[in-house]
């Protein structure tokens, strides 16, 4: 699934499915900026989201030894 990742001064602050949603989110963050000298820099990266599952932790069955107790 494609996503747009939003960064504020190099730190990820969110993600969106559509480019327009990402721009809207950036504009909302920019509206909260209070001083012109302290404005943050925003960027957006388009990428493919992929979930990586943990490896299976199933134990292999133990081999029975030839000797019985």
C-alpha atoms as a PDB file:
ATOM      1  CA  UNK A   1       0.000   0.000   0.000  1.00  0.00           C
ATOM      2  CA  UNK A   2       1.426   3.398  -0.958  1.00  0.00           C
ATOM      3  CA  UNK A   3       1.667   6.046   1.750  1.00  0.00           C
ATOM      4  CA  UNK A   4       2.946   9.586   2.067  1.00  0.00           C
ATOM      5  CA  UNK A   5       5.185  10.083   5.092  1.00  0.00           C
ATOM      6  CA  UNK A   6       5.331  13.583   6.577  1.00  0.00           C
ATOM      7  CA  UNK A   7       8.450  14.935   8.265  1.00  0.00           C
ATOM      8  CA  UNK A   8       8.929  18.062  10.379  1.00  0.00           C
ATOM      9  CA  UNK A   9      12.579  19.072  10.707  1.00  0.00           C
ATOM     10  CA  UNK A  10      13.645  15.516   9.828  1.00  0.00           C
ATOM     11  CA  UNK A  11      11.340  13.776  12.341  1.00  0.00           C
ATOM     12  CA  UNK A  12       8.337  11.793  11.135  1.00  0.00           C
ATOM     13  CA  UNK A  13       5.096  13.342  12.396  1.00  0.00           C
ATOM     14  CA  UNK A  14       2.540  11.354  10.431  1.00  0.00           C
ATOM     15  CA  UNK A  15       1.489   9.573   7.275  1.00  0.00           C
ATOM     16  CA  UNK A  16      -1.441   9.664   4.882  1.00  0.00           C
ATOM     17  CA  UNK A  17      -2.837   7.513   2.114  1.00  0.00           C
ATOM     18  CA  UNK A  18      -3.335  10.347  -0.401  1.00  0.00           C
ATOM     19  CA  UNK A  19      -1.053  13.234  -1.326  1.00  0.00           C
ATOM     20  CA  UNK A  20      -3.819  15.787  -0.715  1.00  0.00           C
ATOM     21  CA  UNK A  21      -4.324  14.461   2.819  1.00  0.00           C
ATOM     22  CA  UNK A  22      -0.595  14.750   3.482  1.00  0.00           C
ATOM     23  CA  UNK A  23      -0.543  18.353   2.226  1.00  0.00           C
ATOM     24  CA  UNK A  24      -3.548  19.168   4.404  1.00  0.00           C
ATOM     25  CA  UNK A  25      -1.746  17.713   7.434  1.00  0.00           C
ATOM     26  CA  UNK A  26       1.349  19.804   6.658  1.00  0.00           C
ATOM     27  CA  UNK A  27      -0.779  22.957   6.317  1.00  0.00           C
ATOM     28  CA  UNK A  28      -2.362  22.253   9.723  1.00  0.00           C
ATOM     29  CA  UNK A  29       1.081  21.970  11.321  1.00  0.00           C
ATOM     30  CA  UNK A  30       2.233  25.143   9.571  1.00  0.00           C
ATOM     31  CA  UNK A  31      -0.804  27.039  10.890  1.00  0.00           C
ATOM     32  CA  UNK A  32       0.375  26.284  14.437  1.00  0.00           C
ATOM     33  CA  UNK A  33       3.747  27.968  13.861  1.00  0.00           C
ATOM     34  CA  UNK A  34       3.825  31.134  15.966  1.00  0.00           C
ATOM     35  CA  UNK A  35       6.978  32.993  14.966  1.00  0.00           C
ATOM     36  CA  UNK A  36       8.454  33.510  11.473  1.00  0.00           C
ATOM     37  CA  UNK A  37      12.018  32.882  12.682  1.00  0.00           C
ATOM     38  CA  UNK A  38      11.075  29.583  14.333  1.00  0.00           C
ATOM     39  CA  UNK A  39       9.337  28.028  11.331  1.00  0.00           C
ATOM     40  CA  UNK A  40       9.919  24.338  10.874  1.00  0.00           C
ATOM     41  CA  UNK A  41      10.830  22.718   7.570  1.00  0.00           C
ATOM     42  CA  UNK A  42       8.327  20.144   6.315  1.00  0.00           C
ATOM     43  CA  UNK A  43       8.909  17.408   3.767  1.00  0.00           C
ATOM     44  CA  UNK A  44       6.979  14.473   2.364  1.00  0.00           C
ATOM     45  CA  UNK A  45       8.158  11.104   1.054  1.00  0.00           C
ATOM     46  CA  UNK A  46       6.068   8.708  -0.991  1.00  0.00           C
ATOM     47  CA  UNK A  47       6.760   5.108  -0.140  1.00  0.00           C
ATOM     48  CA  UNK A  48       5.458   1.576  -0.076  1.00  0.00           C
ATOM     49  CA  UNK A  49       4.384   0.257   3.315  1.00  0.00           C
ATOM     50  CA  UNK A  50       5.315  -3.343   4.008  1.00  0.00           C
ATOM     51  CA  UNK A  51       4.683  -5.277   7.203  1.00  0.00           C
ATOM     52  CA  UNK A  52       7.416  -7.694   8.236  1.00  0.00           C
ATOM     53  CA  UNK A  53       6.215 -10.458  10.574  1.00  0.00           C
ATOM     54  CA  UNK A  54       8.321 -11.928  13.335  1.00  0.00           C
ATOM     55  CA  UNK A  55       9.903 -15.289  12.521  1.00  0.00           C
ATOM     56  CA  UNK A  56       8.054 -18.335  13.776  1.00  0.00           C
ATOM     57  CA  UNK A  57       9.181 -19.551  17.194  1.00  0.00           C
ATOM     58  CA  UNK A  58       7.931 -23.114  16.861  1.00  0.00           C
ATOM     59  CA  UNK A  59      10.315 -25.539  18.499  1.00  0.00           C
ATOM     60  CA  UNK A  60      11.451 -28.499  16.478  1.00  0.00           C
ATOM     61  CA  UNK A  61      10.383 -31.818  18.013  1.00  0.00           C
ATOM     62  CA  UNK A  62      13.080 -33.469  20.124  1.00  0.00           C
ATOM     63  CA  UNK A  63      14.573 -36.661  18.889  1.00  0.00           C
ATOM     64  CA  UNK A  64      14.077 -39.598  21.198  1.00  0.00           C
ATOM     65  CA  UNK A  65      17.253 -41.257  22.225  1.00  0.00           C
ATOM     66  CA  UNK A  66      17.640 -44.957  21.654  1.00  0.00           C
ATOM     67  CA  UNK A  67      17.959 -45.605  25.383  1.00  0.00           C
ATOM     68  CA  UNK A  68      14.879 -45.755  27.542  1.00  0.00           C
ATOM     69  CA  UNK A  69      14.976 -45.197  31.281  1.00  0.00           C
END
